[in-house]
């Protein structure tokens, strides 16, 4: 599904039960793991949480010691929940498939994006947008599903960004569990991607 209105409507309807289902019923570990990966790279601020939803990743970031976190999502109801959790400095309503996100170049020390790239129409352009938003030497942490990774040649997309000089220190994990408690998704695996944005490149 890539239609922004349909995605927003789905998550608006789901916002009240979203976190309970993911964490307690489906045993979704990606937000905690991704926040830890960013923390392991060093405490950097500010951080942009792309596809922040109800604030799940933001709370794990806050627990890990990050104190300046902004978020962006296309679901108004999810953003209301994120605002209520009290860990975000700013929250914005936007869709990364509709062009640049509403922030200047090099605004953030890091961008994190967990469980959202499945909705990217042009994943290469979205990764490029993450790079635009991060200051030289900043960090990226994100996840992507293995079924789409292979279908999109996502590894090739990332390597192209590295070869062009936009990314360095690029690494991705072995396939990991996604939502083992969800019967429909239990066979799907994800990868965790980490990278730095190059200090000297025209972007």
Foldseek 3Di string as FASTA:
>chain_A
DQPLVVVQVVLLVCQVCVVCCQCPQQVACFLLVLLVVQVVVPAFDDEEEEQCFLNSSLVSNVVSPHQEYEYEHQHPNRVVNNVVVPRYPYYYHDDLQPDADPDAFQQTLEYEYEPPCVNHPDSLVSVVNRLRNHAAFGKYKYKDKPVVCVVVVVVVSVVVCVVQQQKDPKDKDDWDAGGCSDPVCRVITMMMIMIGTHNDDDD
